[in-house]
Amino acid sequence: MRSYDDPCGVARALAAVGERWALLVVRELLLGPKRFAELGRGLPGMSPNVLSQRLRDLQAAGVLTRRDLGPPVSAAVYELTEWGHQLEPVLLALGRWGARAPLRSAAPLGVDALMLALRTTYVPDGGPPALVRLRLGVDTFTIATTGQELRVTRGDTEAPDAGVDTDAATLRDVVFGRRGLTDAVAAGTLTLTGDRDTAARVLGSFRRPAPADTGTPRPGTARAGASAG
């Protein structure tokens, strides 16, 4: 692992998770354990060799662990340690900050990355509590909101108020206003079950943050090249 020979906590954190792709591997594990192939599916731009190396690095740093599943499943999963899970608020804050940067990629947003985006762009509506089952292909999530807070967990729920079946690209377009919910339902790319008003309210409670003004210096600072005196 990289060493900065610097006792600062930021430098020590970067020594553990500062390598390229490392925090994205953590992102993919925030909602629960995954197999190697599932991690690769969520990180299509990452080669298997690099993924293997990052998993070894993060395991050596104590951020994640590898666990063998018992019979009849002969496979291993990777999951965050308790210390690794403490990176969640860091990633949420980083996601909010990064969402204001210019979007320069046309690549599709991965499923787990989209779930993180929902958490960082939720705008409380003050409405009643709601439970929405969200199916995106082979992935199922439960969205729970109190009207003030939103929580996303991997897995189904027994008695949701509403259900949404769609794909990640359609959901991204609907929740961020690039496509109307009615249009997606009419086109057959999104299916609603249960209380449709609840589903519409929850899907309409996300807002893209305003772009950052990257050219304006903070008060009391001078632009590069400007005289300080």
C-alpha atoms as a PDB file:
ATOM      1  CA  MET A   1       0.000   0.000   0.000  1.00  0.00           C
ATOM      2  CA  ARG A   2       1.103   3.532  -0.698  1.00  0.00           C
ATOM      3  CA  SER A   3       2.693   5.418   2.160  1.00  0.00           C
ATOM      4  CA  TYR A   4       2.861   9.206   2.347  1.00  0.00           C
ATOM      5  CA  ASP A   5       5.141   9.220   5.412  1.00  0.00           C
ATOM      6  CA  ASP A   6       2.749  11.765   6.893  1.00  0.00           C
ATOM      7  CA  PRO A   7       1.047  11.313  10.293  1.00  0.00           C
ATOM      8  CA  CYS A   8      -2.014  13.344   9.240  1.00  0.00           C
ATOM      9  CA  GLY A   9      -5.254  11.359   9.409  1.00  0.00           C
ATOM     10  CA  VAL A  10      -6.094  12.314   5.805  1.00  0.00           C
ATOM     11  CA  ALA A  11      -2.783  10.882   4.600  1.00  0.00           C
ATOM     12  CA  ARG A  12      -3.342   7.709   6.627  1.00  0.00           C
ATOM     13  CA  ALA A  13      -6.843   7.346   5.155  1.00  0.00           C
ATOM     14  CA  LEU A  14      -5.507   7.776   1.623  1.00  0.00           C
ATOM     15  CA  ALA A  15      -2.880   5.147   2.321  1.00  0.00           C
ATOM     16  CA  ALA A  16      -5.761   2.717   2.953  1.00  0.00           C
ATOM     17  CA  VAL A  17      -8.312   3.730   0.316  1.00  0.00           C
ATOM     18  CA  GLY A  18      -6.623   6.301  -1.910  1.00  0.00           C
ATOM     19  CA  GLU A  19      -5.617   4.031  -4.779  1.00  0.00           C
ATOM     20  CA  ARG A  20      -7.614   4.280  -8.012  1.00  0.00           C
ATOM     21  CA  TRP A  21     -10.867   2.253  -7.891  1.00  0.00           C
ATOM     22  CA  ALA A  22     -10.548   1.547  -4.140  1.00  0.00           C
ATOM     23  CA  LEU A  23     -13.423   3.747  -2.979  1.00  0.00           C
ATOM     24  CA  LEU A  24     -15.600   2.513  -5.844  1.00  0.00           C
ATOM     25  CA  VAL A  25     -15.088  -1.046  -4.602  1.00  0.00           C
ATOM     26  CA  VAL A  26     -16.223   0.166  -1.173  1.00  0.00           C
ATOM     27  CA  ARG A  27     -19.252   1.813  -2.815  1.00  0.00           C
ATOM     28  CA  GLU A  28     -20.241  -1.509  -4.363  1.00  0.00           C
ATOM     29  CA  LEU A  29     -20.183  -3.190  -0.943  1.00  0.00           C
ATOM     30  CA  LEU A  30     -22.079  -0.587   1.089  1.00  0.00           C
ATOM     31  CA  LEU A  31     -25.393  -2.412   0.662  1.00  0.00           C
ATOM     32  CA  GLY A  32     -24.039  -5.859   1.423  1.00  0.00           C
ATOM     33  CA  PRO A  33     -21.626  -8.632   0.413  1.00  0.00           C
ATOM     34  CA  LYS A  34     -20.886  -9.436  -3.218  1.00  0.00           C
ATOM     35  CA  ARG A  35     -19.096 -12.114  -5.167  1.00  0.00           C
ATOM     36  CA  PHE A  36     -16.153 -11.270  -7.385  1.00  0.00           C
ATOM     37  CA  ALA A  37     -18.280 -11.476 -10.547  1.00  0.00           C
ATOM     38  CA  GLU A  38     -20.930  -9.199  -9.038  1.00  0.00           C
ATOM     39  CA  LEU A  39     -18.281  -6.617  -8.192  1.00  0.00           C
ATOM     40  CA  GLY A  40     -17.012  -6.807 -11.750  1.00  0.00           C
ATOM     41  CA  ARG A  41     -20.533  -6.261 -13.074  1.00  0.00           C
ATOM     42  CA  GLY A  42     -20.825  -3.072 -11.038  1.00  0.00           C
ATOM     43  CA  LEU A  43     -17.382  -1.844 -12.153  1.00  0.00           C
ATOM     44  CA  PRO A  44     -17.271  -2.682 -15.898  1.00  0.00           C
ATOM     45  CA  GLY A  45     -14.326  -0.366 -16.568  1.00  0.00           C
ATOM     46  CA  MET A  46     -12.112  -2.189 -14.081  1.00  0.00           C
ATOM     47  CA  SER A  47     -10.066  -5.172 -15.247  1.00  0.00           C
ATOM     48  CA  PRO A  48     -10.258  -8.424 -13.231  1.00  0.00           C
ATOM     49  CA  ASN A  49      -6.547  -8.146 -12.402  1.00  0.00           C
ATOM     50  CA  VAL A  50      -6.935  -4.646 -10.969  1.00  0.00           C
ATOM     51  CA  LEU A  51     -10.048  -5.699  -9.048  1.00  0.00           C
ATOM     52  CA  SER A  52      -8.152  -8.617  -7.531  1.00  0.00           C
ATOM     53  CA  GLN A  53      -5.326  -6.306  -6.476  1.00  0.00           C
ATOM     54  CA  ARG A  54      -7.672  -3.740  -4.921  1.00  0.00           C
ATOM     55  CA  LEU A  55      -9.490  -6.458  -3.002  1.00  0.00           C
ATOM     56  CA  ARG A  56      -6.168  -7.670  -1.621  1.00  0.00           C
ATOM     57  CA  ASP A  57      -5.136  -4.121  -0.724  1.00  0.00           C
ATOM     58  CA  LEU A  58      -8.414  -3.326   1.013  1.00  0.00           C
ATOM     59  CA  GLN A  59      -8.366  -6.609   2.876  1.00  0.00           C
ATOM     60  CA  ALA A  60      -4.796  -5.947   4.052  1.00  0.00           C
ATOM     61  CA  ALA A  61      -5.903  -2.490   5.222  1.00  0.00           C
ATOM     62  CA  GLY A  62      -8.765  -3.986   7.250  1.00  0.00           C
ATOM     63  CA  VAL A  63     -11.463  -2.318   5.120  1.00  0.00           C
ATOM     64  CA  LEU A  64     -13.056  -5.517   3.835  1.00  0.00           C
ATOM     65  CA  THR A  65     -12.902  -9.247   4.397  1.00  0.00           C
ATOM     66  CA  ARG A  66     -13.368 -12.360   2.267  1.00  0.00           C
ATOM     67  CA  ARG A  67     -15.808 -14.978   3.483  1.00  0.00           C
ATOM     68  CA  ASP A  68     -16.407 -18.455   2.063  1.00  0.00           C
ATOM     69  CA  LEU A  69     -20.046 -19.451   1.734  1.00  0.00           C
ATOM     70  CA  GLY A  70     -20.953 -22.855   3.089  1.00  0.00           C
ATOM     71  CA  PRO A  71     -22.578 -25.736   1.200  1.00  0.00           C
ATOM     72  CA  PRO A  72     -24.360 -26.057  -1.118  1.00  0.00           C
ATOM     73  CA  VAL A  73     -22.843 -22.805  -2.470  1.00  0.00           C
ATOM     74  CA  SER A  74     -19.138 -23.137  -3.230  1.00  0.00           C
ATOM     75  CA  ALA A  75     -18.207 -19.495  -3.568  1.00  0.00           C
ATOM     76  CA  ALA A  76     -16.702 -16.587  -1.693  1.00  0.00           C
ATOM     77  CA  VAL A  77     -18.072 -13.121  -1.028  1.00  0.00           C
ATOM     78  CA  TYR A  78     -16.406  -9.868  -0.086  1.00  0.00           C
ATOM     79  CA  GLU A  79     -17.914  -7.659   2.596  1.00  0.00           C
ATOM     80  CA  LEU A  80     -16.968  -4.535   4.488  1.00  0.00           C
ATOM     81  CA  THR A  81     -15.633  -4.775   8.006  1.00  0.00           C
ATOM     82  CA  GLU A  82     -17.103  -2.589  10.737  1.00  0.00           C
ATOM     83  CA  TRP A  83     -14.294  -0.107  10.065  1.00  0.00           C
ATOM     84  CA  GLY A  84     -14.996  -0.276   6.342  1.00  0.00           C
ATOM     85  CA  HIS A  85     -18.672   0.518   6.913  1.00  0.00           C
ATOM     86  CA  GLN A  86     -17.600   3.703   8.681  1.00  0.00           C
ATOM     87  CA  LEU A  87     -16.665   5.015   5.218  1.00  0.00           C
ATOM     88  CA  GLU A  88     -20.384   5.284   4.352  1.00  0.00           C
ATOM     89  CA  PRO A  89     -20.867   8.925   5.458  1.00  0.00           C
ATOM     90  CA  VAL A  90     -17.567   9.772   3.763  1.00  0.00           C
ATOM     91  CA  LEU A  91     -18.804   8.348   0.460  1.00  0.00           C
ATOM     92  CA  LEU A  92     -22.184  10.055   0.824  1.00  0.00           C
ATOM     93  CA  ALA A  93     -20.488  13.407   1.403  1.00  0.00           C
ATOM     94  CA  LEU A  94     -18.098  12.770  -1.481  1.00  0.00           C
ATOM     95  CA  GLY A  95     -21.042  11.846  -3.706  1.00  0.00           C
ATOM     96  CA  ARG A  96     -22.863  15.068  -2.869  1.00  0.00           C
ATOM     97  CA  TRP A  97     -19.723  17.078  -3.551  1.00  0.00           C
ATOM     98  CA  GLY A  98     -18.905  15.261  -6.785  1.00  0.00           C
ATOM     99  CA  ALA A  99     -22.470  15.509  -8.125  1.00  0.00           C
ATOM    100  CA  ARG A 100     -21.894  19.255  -8.523  1.00  0.00           C
ATOM    101  CA  ALA A 101     -18.865  18.711 -10.783  1.00  0.00           C
ATOM    102  CA  PRO A 102     -19.311  18.765 -14.602  1.00  0.00           C
ATOM    103  CA  LEU A 103     -20.611  15.457 -15.970  1.00  0.00           C
ATOM    104  CA  ARG A 104     -18.083  14.259 -18.544  1.00  0.00           C
ATOM    105  CA  SER A 105     -19.046  10.602 -18.890  1.00  0.00           C
ATOM    106  CA  ALA A 106     -21.751   9.115 -21.102  1.00  0.00           C
ATOM    107  CA  ALA A 107     -21.403   5.679 -19.476  1.00  0.00           C
ATOM    108  CA  PRO A 108     -24.479   4.197 -17.783  1.00  0.00           C
ATOM    109  CA  LEU A 109     -24.742   4.569 -14.029  1.00  0.00           C
ATOM    110  CA  GLY A 110     -24.357   1.276 -12.182  1.00  0.00           C
ATOM    111  CA  VAL A 111     -27.134  -0.018  -9.966  1.00  0.00           C
ATOM    112  CA  ASP A 112     -25.325   0.460  -6.638  1.00  0.00           C
ATOM    113  CA  ALA A 113     -24.011   3.846  -7.776  1.00  0.00           C
ATOM    114  CA  LEU A 114     -27.606   4.835  -8.566  1.00  0.00           C
ATOM    115  CA  MET A 115     -28.729   3.790  -5.081  1.00  0.00           C
ATOM    116  CA  LEU A 116     -25.990   6.004  -3.632  1.00  0.00           C
ATOM    117  CA  ALA A 117     -27.168   8.849  -5.876  1.00  0.00           C
ATOM    118  CA  LEU A 118     -30.713   8.468  -4.543  1.00  0.00           C
ATOM    119  CA  ARG A 119     -29.448   8.836  -0.998  1.00  0.00           C
ATOM    120  CA  THR A 120     -27.407  11.941  -1.791  1.00  0.00           C
ATOM    121  CA  THR A 121     -30.105  13.739  -3.814  1.00  0.00           C
ATOM    122  CA  TYR A 122     -33.172  13.029  -1.663  1.00  0.00           C
ATOM    123  CA  VAL A 123     -35.210  16.106  -0.782  1.00  0.00           C
ATOM    124  CA  PRO A 124     -37.521  15.576   2.239  1.00  0.00           C
ATOM    125  CA  ASP A 125     -41.152  16.156   1.290  1.00  0.00           C
ATOM    126  CA  GLY A 126     -42.675  15.974   4.769  1.00  0.00           C
ATOM    127  CA  GLY A 127     -45.112  13.313   3.626  1.00  0.00           C
ATOM    128  CA  PRO A 128     -46.165  10.165   5.470  1.00  0.00           C
ATOM    129  CA  PRO A 129     -43.788   7.192   5.790  1.00  0.00           C
ATOM    130  CA  ALA A 130     -43.543   5.042   2.673  1.00  0.00           C
ATOM    131  CA  LEU A 131     -42.050   1.694   1.752  1.00  0.00           C
ATOM    132  CA  VAL A 132     -41.305   1.057  -1.933  1.00  0.00           C
ATOM    133  CA  ARG A 133     -39.945  -2.156  -3.422  1.00  0.00           C
ATOM    134  CA  LEU A 134     -37.626  -1.402  -6.327  1.00  0.00           C
ATOM    135  CA  ARG A 135     -36.690  -4.099  -8.837  1.00  0.00           C
ATOM    136  CA  LEU A 136     -33.939  -3.337 -11.334  1.00  0.00           C
ATOM    137  CA  GLY A 137     -33.403  -6.505 -13.342  1.00  0.00           C
ATOM    138  CA  VAL A 138     -31.787  -9.074 -11.049  1.00  0.00           C
ATOM    139  CA  ASP A 139     -31.380  -6.541  -8.224  1.00  0.00           C
ATOM    140  CA  THR A 140     -34.076  -5.787  -5.649  1.00  0.00           C
ATOM    141  CA  PHE A 141     -33.990  -2.930  -3.140  1.00  0.00           C
ATOM    142  CA  THR A 142     -36.306  -1.484  -0.516  1.00  0.00           C
ATOM    143  CA  ILE A 143     -36.656   2.285  -0.251  1.00  0.00           C
ATOM    144  CA  ALA A 144     -37.985   3.476   3.098  1.00  0.00           C
ATOM    145  CA  THR A 145     -38.740   7.118   3.754  1.00  0.00           C
ATOM    146  CA  THR A 146     -40.153   8.882   6.778  1.00  0.00           C
ATOM    147  CA  GLY A 147     -40.797  12.060   4.806  1.00  0.00           C
ATOM    148  CA  GLN A 148     -37.625  13.487   6.373  1.00  0.00           C
ATOM    149  CA  GLU A 149     -35.074  10.728   5.839  1.00  0.00           C
ATOM    150  CA  LEU A 150     -34.532   8.057   3.209  1.00  0.00           C
ATOM    151  CA  ARG A 151     -32.958   4.641   3.629  1.00  0.00           C
ATOM    152  CA  VAL A 152     -32.073   2.117   0.920  1.00  0.00           C
ATOM    153  CA  THR A 153     -31.460  -1.558   1.681  1.00  0.00           C
ATOM    154  CA  ARG A 154     -30.745  -4.488  -0.599  1.00  0.00           C
ATOM    155  CA  GLY A 155     -33.487  -7.095  -0.691  1.00  0.00           C
ATOM    156  CA  ASP A 156     -37.260  -7.418  -0.850  1.00  0.00           C
ATOM    157  CA  THR A 157     -39.870  -6.413   1.696  1.00  0.00           C
ATOM    158  CA  GLU A 158     -43.028  -8.311   2.600  1.00  0.00           C
ATOM    159  CA  ALA A 159     -45.600  -5.539   2.522  1.00  0.00           C
ATOM    160  CA  PRO A 160     -44.481  -2.536   0.433  1.00  0.00           C
ATOM    161  CA  ASP A 161     -46.837   0.373  -0.131  1.00  0.00           C
ATOM    162  CA  ALA A 162     -45.839   0.345  -3.795  1.00  0.00           C
ATOM    163  CA  GLY A 163     -43.614  -1.498  -6.228  1.00  0.00           C
ATOM    164  CA  VAL A 164     -41.481  -0.200  -9.101  1.00  0.00           C
ATOM    165  CA  ASP A 165     -40.098  -2.557 -11.749  1.00  0.00           C
ATOM    166  CA  THR A 166     -37.782  -0.991 -14.314  1.00  0.00           C
ATOM    167  CA  ASP A 167     -34.126  -0.726 -15.358  1.00  0.00           C
ATOM    168  CA  ALA A 168     -31.411   1.536 -13.983  1.00  0.00           C
ATOM    169  CA  ALA A 169     -31.328   3.847 -16.997  1.00  0.00           C
ATOM    170  CA  THR A 170     -35.093   4.451 -16.944  1.00  0.00           C
ATOM    171  CA  LEU A 171     -35.139   5.015 -13.184  1.00  0.00           C
ATOM    172  CA  ARG A 172     -32.286   7.502 -13.472  1.00  0.00           C
ATOM    173  CA  ASP A 173     -34.138   9.430 -16.183  1.00  0.00           C
ATOM    174  CA  VAL A 174     -37.397   9.485 -14.209  1.00  0.00           C
ATOM    175  CA  VAL A 175     -36.068  10.502 -10.793  1.00  0.00           C
ATOM    176  CA  PHE A 176     -33.851  13.236 -12.245  1.00  0.00           C
ATOM    177  CA  GLY A 177     -36.507  14.712 -14.506  1.00  0.00           C
ATOM    178  CA  ARG A 178     -35.269  13.692 -17.938  1.00  0.00           C
ATOM    179  CA  ARG A 179     -38.384  11.580 -18.500  1.00  0.00           C
ATOM    180  CA  GLY A 180     -41.883  11.702 -17.115  1.00  0.00           C
ATOM    181  CA  LEU A 181     -43.172   8.858 -14.979  1.00  0.00           C
ATOM    182  CA  THR A 182     -46.383   8.625 -17.029  1.00  0.00           C
ATOM    183  CA  ASP A 183     -44.382   8.387 -20.241  1.00  0.00           C
ATOM    184  CA  ALA A 184     -42.183   5.583 -18.883  1.00  0.00           C
ATOM    185  CA  VAL A 185     -45.250   3.617 -17.739  1.00  0.00           C
ATOM    186  CA  ALA A 186     -46.976   4.117 -21.095  1.00  0.00           C
ATOM    187  CA  ALA A 187     -43.856   2.954 -22.937  1.00  0.00           C
ATOM    188  CA  GLY A 188     -43.730  -0.220 -20.848  1.00  0.00           C
ATOM    189  CA  THR A 189     -40.231   0.478 -19.498  1.00  0.00           C
ATOM    190  CA  LEU A 190     -41.515   1.007 -15.951  1.00  0.00           C
ATOM    191  CA  THR A 191     -44.264  -0.869 -14.117  1.00  0.00           C
ATOM    192  CA  LEU A 192     -46.019   0.381 -10.995  1.00  0.00           C
ATOM    193  CA  THR A 193     -47.889  -1.786  -8.503  1.00  0.00           C
ATOM    194  CA  GLY A 194     -49.662  -0.976  -5.259  1.00  0.00           C
ATOM    195  CA  ASP A 195     -50.311   2.663  -4.347  1.00  0.00           C
ATOM    196  CA  ARG A 196     -49.279   4.611  -7.437  1.00  0.00           C
ATOM    197  CA  ASP A 197     -49.543   7.978  -5.698  1.00  0.00           C
ATOM    198  CA  THR A 198     -47.004   6.821  -3.115  1.00  0.00           C
ATOM    199  CA  ALA A 199     -44.647   5.572  -5.825  1.00  0.00           C
ATOM    200  CA  ALA A 200     -44.966   8.854  -7.732  1.00  0.00           C
ATOM    201  CA  ARG A 201     -44.323  10.886  -4.571  1.00  0.00           C
ATOM    202  CA  VAL A 202     -41.205   8.916  -3.665  1.00  0.00           C
ATOM    203  CA  LEU A 203     -39.828   8.919  -7.227  1.00  0.00           C
ATOM    204  CA  GLY A 204     -40.406  12.659  -7.390  1.00  0.00           C
ATOM    205  CA  SER A 205     -38.431  13.465  -4.235  1.00  0.00           C
ATOM    206  CA  PHE A 206     -34.954  13.652  -5.783  1.00  0.00           C
ATOM    207  CA  ARG A 207     -33.206  16.736  -7.153  1.00  0.00           C
ATOM    208  CA  ARG A 208     -29.923  17.204  -8.939  1.00  0.00           C
ATOM    209  CA  PRO A 209     -27.702  19.638  -7.043  1.00  0.00           C
ATOM    210  CA  ALA A 210     -26.804  22.957  -8.637  1.00  0.00           C
ATOM    211  CA  PRO A 211     -23.481  22.912 -10.517  1.00  0.00           C
ATOM    212  CA  ALA A 212     -20.522  24.180  -8.531  1.00  0.00           C
ATOM    213  CA  ASP A 213     -19.101  27.584  -9.360  1.00  0.00           C
ATOM    214  CA  THR A 214     -15.527  26.402  -9.777  1.00  0.00           C
ATOM    215  CA  GLY A 215     -14.251  29.794 -10.907  1.00  0.00           C
ATOM    216  CA  THR A 216     -15.183  31.858  -7.858  1.00  0.00           C
ATOM    217  CA  PRO A 217     -12.583  32.035  -5.061  1.00  0.00           C
ATOM    218  CA  ARG A 218     -13.663  31.829  -1.460  1.00  0.00           C
ATOM    219  CA  PRO A 219     -14.087  35.163   0.321  1.00  0.00           C
ATOM    220  CA  GLY A 220     -10.765  36.452   1.564  1.00  0.00           C
ATOM    221  CA  THR A 221      -8.727  34.571  -1.034  1.00  0.00           C
ATOM    222  CA  ALA A 222      -7.060  35.902  -4.133  1.00  0.00           C
ATOM    223  CA  ARG A 223      -7.215  34.430  -7.616  1.00  0.00           C
ATOM    224  CA  ALA A 224      -4.095  32.726  -8.864  1.00  0.00           C
ATOM    225  CA  GLY A 225      -1.666  35.306 -10.176  1.00  0.00           C
ATOM    226  CA  ALA A 226      -3.401  38.199  -8.431  1.00  0.00           C
ATOM    227  CA  SER A 227      -1.459  40.465  -6.142  1.00  0.00           C
ATOM    228  CA  ALA A 228      -1.899  39.695  -2.479  1.00  0.00           C
ATOM    229  CA  GLY A 229      -0.921  43.173  -1.421  1.00  0.00           C
END
